[in-house]
């Protein structure tokens, strides 16, 4: 037996050894006995179950017990208790070992236990046998009793320390996992908030009544059935035409019937949820007819030709509808809603019923005081003018320093006066004038009035080649917009003549809303320039070449096509510099040169760019934000930080086609509880 032979040899050598051979003997003993020490340090024990049925024989028990006793005696006699404890502590992380464990593994040939048979297939011992084996291990063995107890205590302490370390590692993993999950949750919340902000920028008036939360958008393709029905109807029209060519009357009649049924079932549906309940039946019936038509009439060349013809027809219809849409949008932009017209008429009647002494505004002495802040507002829209005045006064720090000069036409003069007599602007001063009372503004002095009286201009503006259809007249309608023909629009070039005693004035359009105090504009240094305005040019748009005809030598010689454009709507004018540089004379010169419309087509911005070329001081963009009348994607932060927002474009806030997300900025300054406003059915 290998173990017995090794132990006997060790005993003989120990008795004979001495002198210089002692170190060599100790090394050999350590090499031979190291596995036994390893077993002991790991908590050497033998399992009580050896055979397949976990019932050991008596001879096997005696053999194992004898070897254990012999090994323990030699080990304890060779090593001190401290050495044994160190060996046990260094191997505790692998768990207790047993002879059964080593029998199941591939051990060296020198480590064979004689007289024992093991079954590798028997992987689990019964609980009573395992208890018996542990009990035998803990049975007192004479001198080895203390060593066994100390070794067990050391092993227990080391195991407890390892468990503590494992628990700390688990806690660190859990903490790290929780931190990562929290970061993921924060990232998801940020993405959701960003998506919500983007969804708010989608305007229903421009892009249609679209919402990602609508029921039909729960599915990835909410209009599959609608598109299928439309495809079936297209093919039905193709086969209907071919059936007519080939004189298939029965099939032609059947296709016509199914086509009408599908058209009724489809209606105006844009999504599957809008379809009628009978739609699936109509799809099935149409499919059967199309299958029958395909068998009888299919001809690749004919079908391709019919589809191409249908495509060309659809393209022409789209172009025609676009022209009609342009015409109608221009028509809507130049009209006044019934409610505002009703309000103007009611106010006009009330004004002329007033005695003359009650038609005057207070604080008229402030109208020519150059130390106050003066505003020029030219409008024929009572409601729009009221929003400009109200928003300016509400956001002003000291309303008593603000003076409003309103000019309107004869038709709205009474209404404008009556509104501000009924709704005075607090401590501010207001004055209303009629443009028809400016006798100096006549055709002999003003080139625009003279040109409007010419036969050629009347033909150009009013007849527009006598269009007979909506689409053909769409391109000419913009030339007939009243704002291009009204002197209220051109009066901005005559500010020193209208207000001769003022040094500086702030010009405001009637489609703006004031959101902050504008007092700071009067302290802006224009550096000798006449006009203070916000520039609107980008990388390649809103520059001079967009507004002026640079193929004309007069334009090409005097102006830079890449010069930056600027905006009317909120402009600071230095009237002293205006008079010095004769701005009105410059305007008259270029307006006379444009009698044949060779320099620019229409409007007041192109002549303004020419007149104030090199005389415009750029203001900070936050003073004036534009685009609320045509651009649905104006940055929200820019709108919030703007002192003035401008609804330039066709989608004015008082029209039904206004963009809904911008309209509340305007409507909050209207007194909808006013009796005249309520009586004219004006509402938010």
Foldseek 3Di string as FASTA:
>chain_A
DLLVVVLVVLVVCVVPDDDPCVVVSLVVVCVSLVVVLLLVLLLEFAFCAFELQRHDDPVVVVLVVVSVLSSVVVVPVSDPLVVSLVSNLVPLVVHHDYPLVVVLDDDDPSDDDPPGHHDNVRDDHDPVRRVVRVVVSQPDDPPCNVSSVVSVVSSVVSVVVVVVVVVVVVVVVVVVVVVVVVVVVVVVVVVVVVVVVVQLLDFCLVPNPDDCPDPLNPDVAFAPLVVLLVVLLLLLVLLLVQCVVVVVVVLNVLSVVLNVVSCVQNPVDPGPVPGDPCSVVSSVSSVVSSVVSCVPGDDPVSSVVSVVVVVVVVVVVVLLVVLLVLLVLLVQLQDDDLLQVLLLVVQLVVQVVDDPVLLDWPPPVLQLDQQAAEEEEEDLGQLLQLQALLLQLVQAPDQLRYEYEYEYAPSRQSSNSSVCSVVPSPNHHYDYYHPVVPPVPAVVQAVLNVLCPDPVNCCQQPCVVPDPDSSVCSVSSNSNRVCQNDVSQVCVLVVCVVRVSYFKHKYAYSLKHFNHHPPVVVVDDLPLFFKEFAWDDDPPDQFLLVFWDCVDVVDVVPDDRRHIFTDPGIMMGGVVSCVVVVLSVQLRVVSVVCSVPRTGNTGDRNSVCVSRPVRYRHDPLLAEAEDQQPDSNDPPVSVVSHRMYGNPHSQGLSGPSGRVVPNVSRVVSGDCVPPSSVVSVDDD
